[in-house]
PDB file of N, CA and C in Angstrom:
ATOM      1  N   MET A   1       0.831  -1.190   0.000  1.00  0.00           N
ATOM      2  CA  MET A   1       0.000   0.000   0.000  1.00  0.00           C
ATOM      3  C   MET A   1       0.869   1.244   0.000  1.00  0.00           C
ATOM      4  N   ALA A   2       0.452   2.199  -0.730  1.00  0.00           N
ATOM      5  CA  ALA A   2       1.192   3.462  -0.777  1.00  0.00           C
ATOM      6  C   ALA A   2       0.686   4.383   0.324  1.00  0.00           C
ATOM      7  N   ARG A   3       1.618   4.945   1.032  1.00  0.00           N
ATOM      8  CA  ARG A   3       1.263   5.891   2.086  1.00  0.00           C
ATOM      9  C   ARG A   3       1.115   7.282   1.501  1.00  0.00           C
ATOM     10  N   ALA A   4       0.262   8.043   2.132  1.00  0.00           N
ATOM     11  CA  ALA A   4       0.119   9.432   1.710  1.00  0.00           C
ATOM     12  C   ALA A   4       1.384  10.178   2.074  1.00  0.00           C
ATOM     13  N   GLN A   5       1.864  10.962   1.156  1.00  0.00           N
ATOM     14  CA  GLN A   5       3.093  11.693   1.385  1.00  0.00           C
ATOM     15  C   GLN A   5       2.823  12.861   2.327  1.00  0.00           C
ATOM     16  N   LYS A   6       3.692  13.021   3.323  1.00  0.00           N
ATOM     17  CA  LYS A   6       3.543  14.076   4.305  1.00  0.00           C
ATOM     18  C   LYS A   6       3.874  15.420   3.657  1.00  0.00           C
ATOM     19  N   ASP A   7       3.043  16.412   3.941  1.00  0.00           N
ATOM     20  CA  ASP A   7       3.247  17.751   3.397  1.00  0.00           C
ATOM     21  C   ASP A   7       4.360  18.428   4.180  1.00  0.00           C
ATOM     22  N   THR A   8       5.467  18.704   3.522  1.00  0.00           N
ATOM     23  CA  THR A   8       6.619  19.286   4.204  1.00  0.00           C
ATOM     24  C   THR A   8       6.750  20.781   3.971  1.00  0.00           C
ATOM     25  N   ARG A   9       5.817  21.361   3.240  1.00  0.00           N
ATOM     26  CA  ARG A   9       5.884  22.802   3.014  1.00  0.00           C
ATOM     27  C   ARG A   9       5.682  23.536   4.340  1.00  0.00           C
ATOM     28  N   PRO A  10       6.340  24.664   4.536  1.00  0.00           N
ATOM     29  CA  PRO A  10       6.135  25.421   5.775  1.00  0.00           C
ATOM     30  C   PRO A  10       4.737  26.036   5.792  1.00  0.00           C
ATOM     31  N   ILE A  11       4.201  26.176   6.990  1.00  0.00           N
ATOM     32  CA  ILE A  11       2.887  26.805   7.133  1.00  0.00           C
ATOM     33  C   ILE A  11       3.062  28.306   6.960  1.00  0.00           C
ATOM     34  N   ALA A  12       2.175  28.890   6.200  1.00  0.00           N
ATOM     35  CA  ALA A  12       2.245  30.318   5.908  1.00  0.00           C
ATOM     36  C   ALA A  12       1.993  31.140   7.171  1.00  0.00           C
ATOM     37  N   ASP A  13       2.554  32.344   7.186  1.00  0.00           N
ATOM     38  CA  ASP A  13       2.326  33.235   8.322  1.00  0.00           C
ATOM     39  C   ASP A  13       0.885  33.769   8.272  1.00  0.00           C
ATOM     40  N   GLN A  14       0.506  34.546   9.270  1.00  0.00           N
ATOM     41  CA  GLN A  14      -0.879  34.996   9.407  1.00  0.00           C
ATOM     42  C   GLN A  14      -1.327  35.821   8.206  1.00  0.00           C
ATOM     43  N   ALA A  15      -0.539  36.780   7.793  1.00  0.00           N
ATOM     44  CA  ALA A  15      -0.937  37.646   6.689  1.00  0.00           C
ATOM     45  C   ALA A  15      -1.111  36.851   5.396  1.00  0.00           C
ATOM     46  N   THR A  16      -0.206  35.947   5.136  1.00  0.00           N
ATOM     47  CA  THR A  16      -0.290  35.125   3.929  1.00  0.00           C
ATOM     48  C   THR A  16      -1.493  34.195   4.002  1.00  0.00           C
ATOM     49  N   SER A  17      -1.756  33.635   5.174  1.00  0.00           N
ATOM     50  CA  SER A  17      -2.906  32.739   5.347  1.00  0.00           C
ATOM     51  C   SER A  17      -4.217  33.480   5.108  1.00  0.00           C
ATOM     52  N   GLU A  18      -4.326  34.688   5.665  1.00  0.00           N
ATOM     53  CA  GLU A  18      -5.535  35.481   5.467  1.00  0.00           C
ATOM     54  C   GLU A  18      -5.721  35.841   3.999  1.00  0.00           C
ATOM     55  N   ALA A  19      -4.630  36.242   3.361  1.00  0.00           N
ATOM     56  CA  ALA A  19      -4.716  36.598   1.939  1.00  0.00           C
ATOM     57  C   ALA A  19      -5.102  35.382   1.099  1.00  0.00           C
ATOM     58  N   ALA A  20      -4.517  34.235   1.401  1.00  0.00           N
ATOM     59  CA  ALA A  20      -4.831  33.020   0.643  1.00  0.00           C
ATOM     60  C   ALA A  20      -6.307  32.658   0.788  1.00  0.00           C
ATOM     61  N   CYS A  21      -6.826  32.755   2.002  1.00  0.00           N
ATOM     62  CA  CYS A  21      -8.238  32.439   2.222  1.00  0.00           C
ATOM     63  C   CYS A  21      -9.145  33.463   1.535  1.00  0.00           C
ATOM     64  N   THR A  22      -8.743  34.711   1.560  1.00  0.00           N
ATOM     65  CA  THR A  22      -9.530  35.752   0.898  1.00  0.00           C
ATOM     66  C   THR A  22      -9.611  35.499  -0.598  1.00  0.00           C
ATOM     67  N   TYR A  23      -8.456  35.243  -1.215  1.00  0.00           N
ATOM     68  CA  TYR A  23      -8.450  34.993  -2.651  1.00  0.00           C
ATOM     69  C   TYR A  23      -9.189  33.702  -2.999  1.00  0.00           C
ATOM     70  N   ALA A  24      -9.054  32.692  -2.161  1.00  0.00           N
ATOM     71  CA  ALA A  24      -9.773  31.443  -2.408  1.00  0.00           C
ATOM     72  C   ALA A  24     -11.285  31.680  -2.337  1.00  0.00           C
ATOM     73  N   ALA A  25     -11.728  32.487  -1.368  1.00  0.00           N
ATOM     74  CA  ALA A  25     -13.157  32.800  -1.253  1.00  0.00           C
ATOM     75  C   ALA A  25     -13.643  33.554  -2.483  1.00  0.00           C
ATOM     76  N   LEU A  26     -12.837  34.469  -2.981  1.00  0.00           N
ATOM     77  CA  LEU A  26     -13.218  35.209  -4.192  1.00  0.00           C
ATOM     78  C   LEU A  26     -13.294  34.285  -5.404  1.00  0.00           C
ATOM     79  N   ILE A  27     -12.368  33.344  -5.489  1.00  0.00           N
ATOM     80  CA  ILE A  27     -12.397  32.390  -6.603  1.00  0.00           C
ATOM     81  C   ILE A  27     -13.668  31.548  -6.543  1.00  0.00           C
ATOM     82  N   LEU A  28     -13.992  31.053  -5.351  1.00  0.00           N
ATOM     83  CA  LEU A  28     -15.211  30.246  -5.204  1.00  0.00           C
ATOM     84  C   LEU A  28     -16.450  31.083  -5.508  1.00  0.00           C
ATOM     85  N   TYR A  29     -16.460  32.338  -5.081  1.00  0.00           N
ATOM     86  CA  TYR A  29     -17.594  33.223  -5.359  1.00  0.00           C
ATOM     87  C   TYR A  29     -17.759  33.417  -6.860  1.00  0.00           C
ATOM     88  N   GLU A  30     -16.662  33.683  -7.547  1.00  0.00           N
ATOM     89  CA  GLU A  30     -16.724  33.902  -8.995  1.00  0.00           C
ATOM     90  C   GLU A  30     -17.185  32.653  -9.738  1.00  0.00           C
ATOM     91  N   ASP A  31     -16.929  31.484  -9.158  1.00  0.00           N
ATOM     92  CA  ASP A  31     -17.327  30.222  -9.770  1.00  0.00           C
ATOM     93  C   ASP A  31     -18.715  29.782  -9.293  1.00  0.00           C
ATOM     94  N   ASN A  32     -19.397  30.660  -8.544  1.00  0.00           N
ATOM     95  CA  ASN A  32     -20.739  30.391  -8.007  1.00  0.00           C
ATOM     96  C   ASN A  32     -20.789  29.119  -7.167  1.00  0.00           C
ATOM     97  N   GLN A  33     -19.764  28.900  -6.360  1.00  0.00           N
ATOM     98  CA  GLN A  33     -19.725  27.747  -5.475  1.00  0.00           C
ATOM     99  C   GLN A  33     -19.893  28.208  -4.038  1.00  0.00           C
ATOM    100  N   GLU A  34     -20.374  27.302  -3.218  1.00  0.00           N
ATOM    101  CA  GLU A  34     -20.542  27.596  -1.802  1.00  0.00           C
ATOM    102  C   GLU A  34     -19.163  27.739  -1.151  1.00  0.00           C
ATOM    103  N   ILE A  35     -19.039  28.716  -0.271  1.00  0.00           N
ATOM    104  CA  ILE A  35     -17.762  28.959   0.390  1.00  0.00           C
ATOM    105  C   ILE A  35     -17.735  28.182   1.700  1.00  0.00           C
ATOM    106  N   VAL A  36     -17.086  27.023   1.652  1.00  0.00           N
ATOM    107  CA  VAL A  36     -16.947  26.154   2.822  1.00  0.00           C
ATOM    108  C   VAL A  36     -15.464  25.841   3.010  1.00  0.00           C
ATOM    109  N   ALA A  37     -15.118  25.424   4.210  1.00  0.00           N
ATOM    110  CA  ALA A  37     -13.714  25.200   4.558  1.00  0.00           C
ATOM    111  C   ALA A  37     -13.033  24.194   3.631  1.00  0.00           C
ATOM    112  N   SER A  38     -13.723  23.122   3.279  1.00  0.00           N
ATOM    113  CA  SER A  38     -13.089  22.100   2.439  1.00  0.00           C
ATOM    114  C   SER A  38     -12.756  22.629   1.041  1.00  0.00           C
ATOM    115  N   LYS A  39     -13.654  23.436   0.480  1.00  0.00           N
ATOM    116  CA  LYS A  39     -13.384  23.996  -0.848  1.00  0.00           C
ATOM    117  C   LYS A  39     -12.306  25.075  -0.785  1.00  0.00           C
ATOM    118  N   LEU A  40     -12.314  25.858   0.287  1.00  0.00           N
ATOM    119  CA  LEU A  40     -11.250  26.851   0.467  1.00  0.00           C
ATOM    120  C   LEU A  40      -9.896  26.153   0.536  1.00  0.00           C
ATOM    121  N   ALA A  41      -9.839  25.047   1.289  1.00  0.00           N
ATOM    122  CA  ALA A  41      -8.591  24.292   1.435  1.00  0.00           C
ATOM    123  C   ALA A  41      -8.127  23.731   0.087  1.00  0.00           C
ATOM    124  N   GLN A  42      -9.053  23.274  -0.744  1.00  0.00           N
ATOM    125  CA  GLN A  42      -8.692  22.740  -2.055  1.00  0.00           C
ATOM    126  C   GLN A  42      -8.071  23.814  -2.938  1.00  0.00           C
ATOM    127  N   VAL A  43      -8.681  24.996  -2.942  1.00  0.00           N
ATOM    128  CA  VAL A  43      -8.164  26.083  -3.776  1.00  0.00           C
ATOM    129  C   VAL A  43      -6.785  26.518  -3.277  1.00  0.00           C
ATOM    130  N   ILE A  44      -6.640  26.615  -1.962  1.00  0.00           N
ATOM    131  CA  ILE A  44      -5.359  27.037  -1.385  1.00  0.00           C
ATOM    132  C   ILE A  44      -4.275  26.004  -1.665  1.00  0.00           C
ATOM    133  N   LYS A  45      -4.622  24.735  -1.560  1.00  0.00           N
ATOM    134  CA  LYS A  45      -3.655  23.675  -1.847  1.00  0.00           C
ATOM    135  C   LYS A  45      -3.241  23.711  -3.317  1.00  0.00           C
ATOM    136  N   ALA A  46      -4.186  23.989  -4.200  1.00  0.00           N
ATOM    137  CA  ALA A  46      -3.873  24.086  -5.628  1.00  0.00           C
ATOM    138  C   ALA A  46      -2.926  25.251  -5.916  1.00  0.00           C
ATOM    139  N   ALA A  47      -2.953  26.255  -5.048  1.00  0.00           N
ATOM    140  CA  ALA A  47      -2.055  27.401  -5.195  1.00  0.00           C
ATOM    141  C   ALA A  47      -0.695  27.129  -4.555  1.00  0.00           C
ATOM    142  N   ASN A  48      -0.510  25.915  -4.047  1.00  0.00           N
ATOM    143  CA  ASN A  48       0.741  25.483  -3.424  1.00  0.00           C
ATOM    144  C   ASN A  48       1.071  26.306  -2.174  1.00  0.00           C
ATOM    145  N   ILE A  49       0.037  26.598  -1.396  1.00  0.00           N
ATOM    146  CA  ILE A  49       0.208  27.301  -0.134  1.00  0.00           C
ATOM    147  C   ILE A  49      -0.330  26.404   0.966  1.00  0.00           C
ATOM    148  N   ARG A  50       0.315  26.409   2.108  1.00  0.00           N
ATOM    149  CA  ARG A  50      -0.127  25.594   3.240  1.00  0.00           C
ATOM    150  C   ARG A  50      -0.524  26.527   4.386  1.00  0.00           C
ATOM    151  N   VAL A  51      -1.784  26.460   4.770  1.00  0.00           N
ATOM    152  CA  VAL A  51      -2.273  27.269   5.885  1.00  0.00           C
ATOM    153  C   VAL A  51      -2.818  26.339   6.963  1.00  0.00           C
ATOM    154  N   GLU A  52      -2.878  26.857   8.174  1.00  0.00           N
ATOM    155  CA  GLU A  52      -3.467  26.071   9.249  1.00  0.00           C
ATOM    156  C   GLU A  52      -4.961  25.918   8.974  1.00  0.00           C
ATOM    157  N   PRO A  53      -5.538  24.758   9.272  1.00  0.00           N
ATOM    158  CA  PRO A  53      -6.951  24.514   8.973  1.00  0.00           C
ATOM    159  C   PRO A  53      -7.908  25.491   9.663  1.00  0.00           C
ATOM    160  N   ILE A  54      -7.475  26.111  10.739  1.00  0.00           N
ATOM    161  CA  ILE A  54      -8.362  27.041  11.443  1.00  0.00           C
ATOM    162  C   ILE A  54      -8.740  28.212  10.546  1.00  0.00           C
ATOM    163  N   TRP A  55      -7.835  28.614   9.661  1.00  0.00           N
ATOM    164  CA  TRP A  55      -8.124  29.774   8.809  1.00  0.00           C
ATOM    165  C   TRP A  55      -9.280  29.514   7.858  1.00  0.00           C
ATOM    166  N   THR A  56      -9.331  28.335   7.272  1.00  0.00           N
ATOM    167  CA  THR A  56     -10.430  28.042   6.350  1.00  0.00           C
ATOM    168  C   THR A  56     -11.754  27.967   7.114  1.00  0.00           C
ATOM    169  N   LYS A  57     -11.705  27.464   8.341  1.00  0.00           N
ATOM    170  CA  LYS A  57     -12.917  27.385   9.162  1.00  0.00           C
ATOM    171  C   LYS A  57     -13.381  28.779   9.579  1.00  0.00           C
ATOM    172  N   VAL A  58     -12.437  29.643   9.904  1.00  0.00           N
ATOM    173  CA  VAL A  58     -12.784  31.026  10.282  1.00  0.00           C
ATOM    174  C   VAL A  58     -13.450  31.739   9.114  1.00  0.00           C
ATOM    175  N   PHE A  59     -12.885  31.591   7.929  1.00  0.00           N
ATOM    176  CA  PHE A  59     -13.465  32.251   6.764  1.00  0.00           C
ATOM    177  C   PHE A  59     -14.830  31.670   6.415  1.00  0.00           C
ATOM    178  N   GLU A  60     -14.987  30.357   6.558  1.00  0.00           N
ATOM    179  CA  GLU A  60     -16.288  29.738   6.300  1.00  0.00           C
ATOM    180  C   GLU A  60     -17.339  30.329   7.242  1.00  0.00           C
ATOM    181  N   LYS A  61     -16.997  30.409   8.508  1.00  0.00           N
ATOM    182  CA  LYS A  61     -17.939  30.921   9.498  1.00  0.00           C
ATOM    183  C   LYS A  61     -18.236  32.407   9.268  1.00  0.00           C
ATOM    184  N   ALA A  62     -17.218  33.167   8.923  1.00  0.00           N
ATOM    185  CA  ALA A  62     -17.393  34.605   8.714  1.00  0.00           C
ATOM    186  C   ALA A  62     -18.256  34.907   7.498  1.00  0.00           C
ATOM    187  N   LEU A  63     -18.162  34.074   6.478  1.00  0.00           N
ATOM    188  CA  LEU A  63     -18.894  34.341   5.237  1.00  0.00           C
ATOM    189  C   LEU A  63     -20.204  33.573   5.127  1.00  0.00           C
ATOM    190  N   LYS A  64     -20.506  32.748   6.123  1.00  0.00           N
ATOM    191  CA  LYS A  64     -21.733  31.961   6.077  1.00  0.00           C
ATOM    192  C   LYS A  64     -22.949  32.892   6.089  1.00  0.00           C
ATOM    193  N   GLY A  65     -23.819  32.709   5.118  1.00  0.00           N
ATOM    194  CA  GLY A  65     -25.033  33.506   5.032  1.00  0.00           C
ATOM    195  C   GLY A  65     -24.820  34.887   4.435  1.00  0.00           C
ATOM    196  N   LYS A  66     -23.598  35.223   4.087  1.00  0.00           N
ATOM    197  CA  LYS A  66     -23.297  36.529   3.505  1.00  0.00           C
ATOM    198  C   LYS A  66     -23.233  36.393   1.990  1.00  0.00           C
ATOM    199  N   ARG A  67     -23.541  37.466   1.331  1.00  0.00           N
ATOM    200  CA  ARG A  67     -23.406  37.508  -0.119  1.00  0.00           C
ATOM    201  C   ARG A  67     -22.110  38.250  -0.415  1.00  0.00           C
ATOM    202  N   VAL A  68     -21.120  37.532  -0.892  1.00  0.00           N
ATOM    203  CA  VAL A  68     -19.802  38.104  -1.108  1.00  0.00           C
ATOM    204  C   VAL A  68     -19.866  39.274  -2.083  1.00  0.00           C
ATOM    205  N   GLY A  69     -20.702  39.190  -3.077  1.00  0.00           N
ATOM    206  CA  GLY A  69     -20.848  40.290  -4.027  1.00  0.00           C
ATOM    207  C   GLY A  69     -21.295  41.574  -3.348  1.00  0.00           C
ATOM    208  N   ASP A  70     -22.197  41.462  -2.383  1.00  0.00           N
ATOM    209  CA  ASP A  70     -22.640  42.639  -1.648  1.00  0.00           C
ATOM    210  C   ASP A  70     -21.509  43.201  -0.798  1.00  0.00           C
ATOM    211  N   LEU A  71     -20.694  42.330  -0.226  1.00  0.00           N
ATOM    212  CA  LEU A  71     -19.554  42.781   0.564  1.00  0.00           C
ATOM    213  C   LEU A  71     -18.557  43.540  -0.309  1.00  0.00           C
ATOM    214  N   LEU A  72     -18.380  43.069  -1.535  1.00  0.00           N
ATOM    215  CA  LEU A  72     -17.445  43.711  -2.444  1.00  0.00           C
ATOM    216  C   LEU A  72     -17.923  45.083  -2.891  1.00  0.00           C
ATOM    217  N   HIS A  73     -19.213  45.250  -2.965  1.00  0.00           N
ATOM    218  CA  HIS A  73     -19.776  46.506  -3.455  1.00  0.00           C
ATOM    219  C   HIS A  73     -20.156  47.459  -2.339  1.00  0.00           C
ATOM    220  N   GLY A  74     -19.731  47.170  -1.116  1.00  0.00           N
ATOM    221  CA  GLY A  74     -19.935  48.102  -0.023  1.00  0.00           C
ATOM    222  C   GLY A  74     -21.213  47.912   0.760  1.00  0.00           C
ATOM    223  N   ASN A  75     -22.020  46.943   0.418  1.00  0.00           N
ATOM    224  CA  ASN A  75     -23.208  46.665   1.220  1.00  0.00           C
ATOM    225  C   ASN A  75     -22.803  45.844   2.420  1.00  0.00           C
ATOM    226  N   ALA A  76     -23.675  45.739   3.387  1.00  0.00           N
ATOM    227  CA  ALA A  76     -23.361  45.009   4.611  1.00  0.00           C
ATOM    228  C   ALA A  76     -23.333  43.505   4.390  1.00  0.00           C
ATOM    229  N   GLY A  77     -23.788  43.022   3.253  1.00  0.00           N
ATOM    230  CA  GLY A  77     -23.804  41.602   2.999  1.00  0.00           C
ATOM    231  C   GLY A  77     -25.046  40.916   3.527  1.00  0.00           C
ATOM    232  N   ASN A  78     -25.965  41.690   4.037  1.00  0.00           N
ATOM    233  CA  ASN A  78     -27.191  41.153   4.599  1.00  0.00           C
ATOM    234  C   ASN A  78     -28.343  41.548   3.680  1.00  0.00           C
ATOM    235  N   ALA A  79     -28.560  40.799   2.616  1.00  0.00           N
ATOM    236  CA  ALA A  79     -29.535  41.143   1.593  1.00  0.00           C
ATOM    237  C   ALA A  79     -30.962  41.254   2.120  1.00  0.00           C
ATOM    238  N   PRO A  80     -31.458  40.345   2.972  1.00  0.00           N
ATOM    239  CA  PRO A  80     -32.836  40.486   3.428  1.00  0.00           C
ATOM    240  C   PRO A  80     -33.105  41.805   4.152  1.00  0.00           C
ATOM    241  N   ALA A  81     -32.179  42.265   4.929  1.00  0.00           N
ATOM    242  CA  ALA A  81     -32.375  43.532   5.639  1.00  0.00           C
ATOM    243  C   ALA A  81     -32.420  44.694   4.660  1.00  0.00           C
ATOM    244  N   ALA A  82     -31.582  44.640   3.632  1.00  0.00           N
ATOM    245  CA  ALA A  82     -31.572  45.706   2.637  1.00  0.00           C
ATOM    246  C   ALA A  82     -32.882  45.729   1.859  1.00  0.00           C
ATOM    247  N   GLN A  83     -33.426  44.544   1.540  1.00  0.00           N
ATOM    248  CA  GLN A  83     -34.686  44.486   0.820  1.00  0.00           C
ATOM    249  C   GLN A  83     -35.825  45.003   1.686  1.00  0.00           C
ATOM    250  N   THR A  84     -35.825  44.654   2.950  1.00  0.00           N
ATOM    251  CA  THR A  84     -36.863  45.120   3.864  1.00  0.00           C
ATOM    252  C   THR A  84     -36.813  46.626   3.991  1.00  0.00           C
ATOM    253  N   ALA A  85     -35.627  47.179   4.096  1.00  0.00           N
ATOM    254  CA  ALA A  85     -35.485  48.630   4.220  1.00  0.00           C
ATOM    255  C   ALA A  85     -35.984  49.318   2.958  1.00  0.00           C
ATOM    256  N   ALA A  86     -35.715  48.736   1.806  1.00  0.00           N
ATOM    257  CA  ALA A  86     -36.167  49.338   0.552  1.00  0.00           C
ATOM    258  C   ALA A  86     -37.687  49.281   0.436  1.00  0.00           C
ATOM    259  N   GLN A  87     -38.300  48.224   0.928  1.00  0.00           N
ATOM    260  CA  GLN A  87     -39.747  48.082   0.835  1.00  0.00           C
ATOM    261  C   GLN A  87     -40.477  48.991   1.805  1.00  0.00           C
ATOM    262  N   THR A  88     -39.880  49.280   2.937  1.00  0.00           N
ATOM    263  CA  THR A  88     -40.551  50.079   3.947  1.00  0.00           C
ATOM    264  C   THR A  88     -40.178  51.546   3.896  1.00  0.00           C
ATOM    265  N   SER A  89     -39.345  51.936   2.932  1.00  0.00           N
ATOM    266  CA  SER A  89     -38.932  53.334   2.878  1.00  0.00           C
ATOM    267  C   SER A  89     -40.115  54.212   2.467  1.00  0.00           C
ATOM    268  N   VAL A  90     -40.125  55.387   3.010  1.00  0.00           N
ATOM    269  CA  VAL A  90     -41.194  56.350   2.750  1.00  0.00           C
ATOM    270  C   VAL A  90     -40.747  57.223   1.588  1.00  0.00           C
ATOM    271  N   PRO A  91     -41.655  57.535   0.662  1.00  0.00           N
ATOM    272  CA  PRO A  91     -41.282  58.414  -0.450  1.00  0.00           C
ATOM    273  C   PRO A  91     -40.747  59.748   0.075  1.00  0.00           C
ATOM    274  N   ALA A  92     -39.866  60.345  -0.710  1.00  0.00           N
ATOM    275  CA  ALA A  92     -39.210  61.580  -0.283  1.00  0.00           C
ATOM    276  C   ALA A  92     -40.211  62.693  -0.004  1.00  0.00           C
ATOM    277  N   SER A  93     -41.313  62.722  -0.743  1.00  0.00           N
ATOM    278  CA  SER A  93     -42.298  63.789  -0.547  1.00  0.00           C
ATOM    279  C   SER A  93     -43.006  63.677   0.796  1.00  0.00           C
ATOM    280  N   GLN A  94     -43.041  62.490   1.373  1.00  0.00           N
ATOM    281  CA  GLN A  94     -43.739  62.287   2.640  1.00  0.00           C
ATOM    282  C   GLN A  94     -42.805  62.368   3.843  1.00  0.00           C
ATOM    283  N   GLN A  95     -41.514  62.414   3.605  1.00  0.00           N
ATOM    284  CA  GLN A  95     -40.587  62.468   4.718  1.00  0.00           C
ATOM    285  C   GLN A  95     -40.592  63.865   5.328  1.00  0.00           C
ATOM    286  N   ALA A  96     -40.542  63.909   6.636  1.00  0.00           N
ATOM    287  CA  ALA A  96     -40.474  65.187   7.326  1.00  0.00           C
ATOM    288  C   ALA A  96     -39.075  65.753   7.158  1.00  0.00           C
ATOM    289  N   LYS A  97     -39.026  67.066   7.064  1.00  0.00           N
ATOM    290  CA  LYS A  97     -37.720  67.683   6.937  1.00  0.00           C
ATOM    291  C   LYS A  97     -36.961  67.517   8.238  1.00  0.00           C
ATOM    292  N   ALA A  98     -35.708  67.177   8.090  1.00  0.00           N
ATOM    293  CA  ALA A  98     -34.879  67.000   9.281  1.00  0.00           C
ATOM    294  C   ALA A  98     -34.584  68.369   9.878  1.00  0.00           C
ATOM    295  N   PRO A  99     -34.648  68.484  11.192  1.00  0.00           N
ATOM    296  CA  PRO A  99     -34.356  69.772  11.797  1.00  0.00           C
ATOM    297  C   PRO A  99     -32.898  70.150  11.555  1.00  0.00           C
ATOM    298  N   GLU A 100     -32.690  71.450  11.414  1.00  0.00           N
ATOM    299  CA  GLU A 100     -31.333  71.917  11.175  1.00  0.00           C
ATOM    300  C   GLU A 100     -30.510  71.744  12.444  1.00  0.00           C
ATOM    301  N   PRO A 101     -29.259  71.414  12.294  1.00  0.00           N
ATOM    302  CA  PRO A 101     -28.435  71.247  13.490  1.00  0.00           C
ATOM    303  C   PRO A 101     -28.280  72.576  14.221  1.00  0.00           C
ATOM    304  N   ALA A 102     -28.205  72.482  15.529  1.00  0.00           N
ATOM    305  CA  ALA A 102     -28.077  73.689  16.344  1.00  0.00           C
ATOM    306  C   ALA A 102     -26.733  74.337  16.069  1.00  0.00           C
ATOM    307  N   LYS A 103     -26.749  75.669  16.016  1.00  0.00           N
ATOM    308  CA  LYS A 103     -25.518  76.401  15.765  1.00  0.00           C
ATOM    309  C   LYS A 103     -24.683  76.422  17.033  1.00  0.00           C
ATOM    310  N   GLU A 104     -23.387  76.322  16.833  1.00  0.00           N
ATOM    311  CA  GLU A 104     -22.492  76.343  17.981  1.00  0.00           C
ATOM    312  C   GLU A 104     -22.409  77.744  18.545  1.00  0.00           C
ATOM    313  N   VAL A 105     -22.451  77.810  19.833  1.00  0.00           N
ATOM    314  CA  VAL A 105     -22.307  79.090  20.500  1.00  0.00           C
ATOM    315  C   VAL A 105     -20.845  79.244  20.864  1.00  0.00           C
ATOM    316  N   LYS A 106     -20.252  80.297  20.342  1.00  0.00           N
ATOM    317  CA  LYS A 106     -18.839  80.512  20.621  1.00  0.00           C
ATOM    318  C   LYS A 106     -18.696  81.253  21.935  1.00  0.00           C
ATOM    319  N   LYS A 107     -17.811  80.757  22.758  1.00  0.00           N
ATOM    320  CA  LYS A 107     -17.527  81.410  24.024  1.00  0.00           C
ATOM    321  C   LYS A 107     -16.497  82.500  23.786  1.00  0.00           C
ATOM    322  N   ALA A 108     -16.641  83.574  24.529  1.00  0.00           N
ATOM    323  CA  ALA A 108     -15.663  84.643  24.440  1.00  0.00           C
ATOM    324  C   ALA A 108     -14.334  84.121  24.977  1.00  0.00           C
ATOM    325  N   GLU A 109     -13.271  84.428  24.256  1.00  0.00           N
ATOM    326  CA  GLU A 109     -11.963  83.956  24.690  1.00  0.00           C
ATOM    327  C   GLU A 109     -11.542  84.708  25.934  1.00  0.00           C
ATOM    328  N   GLU A 110     -11.063  83.959  26.892  1.00  0.00           N
ATOM    329  CA  GLU A 110     -10.594  84.559  28.128  1.00  0.00           C
ATOM    330  C   GLU A 110      -9.126  84.912  27.963  1.00  0.00           C
ATOM    331  N   PRO A 111      -8.725  86.058  28.485  1.00  0.00           N
ATOM    332  CA  PRO A 111      -7.310  86.432  28.368  1.00  0.00           C
ATOM    333  C   PRO A 111      -6.446  85.464  29.172  1.00  0.00           C
ATOM    334  N   GLU A 112      -5.254  85.217  28.669  1.00  0.00           N
ATOM    335  CA  GLU A 112      -4.341  84.311  29.355  1.00  0.00           C
ATOM    336  C   GLU A 112      -3.818  84.964  30.620  1.00  0.00           C
ATOM    337  N   GLU A 113      -3.635  84.172  31.628  1.00  0.00           N
ATOM    338  CA  GLU A 113      -3.108  84.673  32.885  1.00  0.00           C
ATOM    339  C   GLU A 113      -1.596  84.524  32.885  1.00  0.00           C
ATOM    340  N   ASP A 114      -0.947  85.482  33.501  1.00  0.00           N
ATOM    341  CA  ASP A 114       0.490  85.365  33.683  1.00  0.00           C
ATOM    342  C   ASP A 114       0.735  84.560  34.943  1.00  0.00           C
ATOM    343  N   VAL A 115       1.491  83.502  34.798  1.00  0.00           N
ATOM    344  CA  VAL A 115       1.791  82.649  35.935  1.00  0.00           C
ATOM    345  C   VAL A 115       3.239  82.881  36.323  1.00  0.00           C
ATOM    346  N   ASP A 116       3.474  83.141  37.593  1.00  0.00           N
ATOM    347  CA  ASP A 116       4.825  83.361  38.081  1.00  0.00           C
ATOM    348  C   ASP A 116       5.556  82.022  38.151  1.00  0.00           C
ATOM    349  N   MET A 117       6.639  81.896  37.395  1.00  0.00           N
ATOM    350  CA  MET A 117       7.428  80.675  37.362  1.00  0.00           C
ATOM    351  C   MET A 117       8.654  80.759  38.262  1.00  0.00           C
ATOM    352  N   GLY A 118       8.659  81.756  39.091  1.00  0.00           N
ATOM    353  CA  GLY A 118       9.778  81.857  40.041  1.00  0.00           C
ATOM    354  C   GLY A 118      11.081  82.271  39.374  1.00  0.00           C
ATOM    355  N   GLY A 119      11.007  83.036  38.306  1.00  0.00           N
ATOM    356  CA  GLY A 119      12.195  83.506  37.631  1.00  0.00           C
ATOM    357  C   GLY A 119      12.891  82.438  36.804  1.00  0.00           C
ATOM    358  N   LEU A 120      12.182  81.365  36.472  1.00  0.00           N
ATOM    359  CA  LEU A 120      12.787  80.249  35.753  1.00  0.00           C
ATOM    360  C   LEU A 120      13.255  80.661  34.350  1.00  0.00           C
ATOM    361  N   PHE A 121      12.481  81.505  33.681  1.00  0.00           N
ATOM    362  CA  PHE A 121      12.816  81.876  32.299  1.00  0.00           C
ATOM    363  C   PHE A 121      13.229  83.345  32.200  1.00  0.00           C
ATOM    364  N   ASP A 122      13.702  83.945  33.265  1.00  0.00           N
ATOM    365  CA  ASP A 122      14.112  85.357  33.210  1.00  0.00           C
ATOM    366  C   ASP A 122      15.475  85.517  32.636  1.00  0.00           C
TER     367      ASP A 122
END
């Protein structure tokens, strides 16, 4: 029987691991695949990078239920909330005008006091 060959590549540092997982997630998103730890690990392995398994699990958990496309375009990634907000928004003509912010009251500047330093700078 042939034994599986042990992976002798060094484990990537934190920044490289995060970048690898990020790019792997983007690749899976572009390919319309679910972003799960096992698929992230496959993409990272294909890139000849070795990361600790915790990183793929962290990214899976962080992106679960999120729409990566919305995250890329600056939305919060929570599509149902955005749709609800759009459906319940009031037309601009019915919105009450926001009150103007209160103007700042400037205080009169007080003259500086001369403090005796005991002849330190004489």
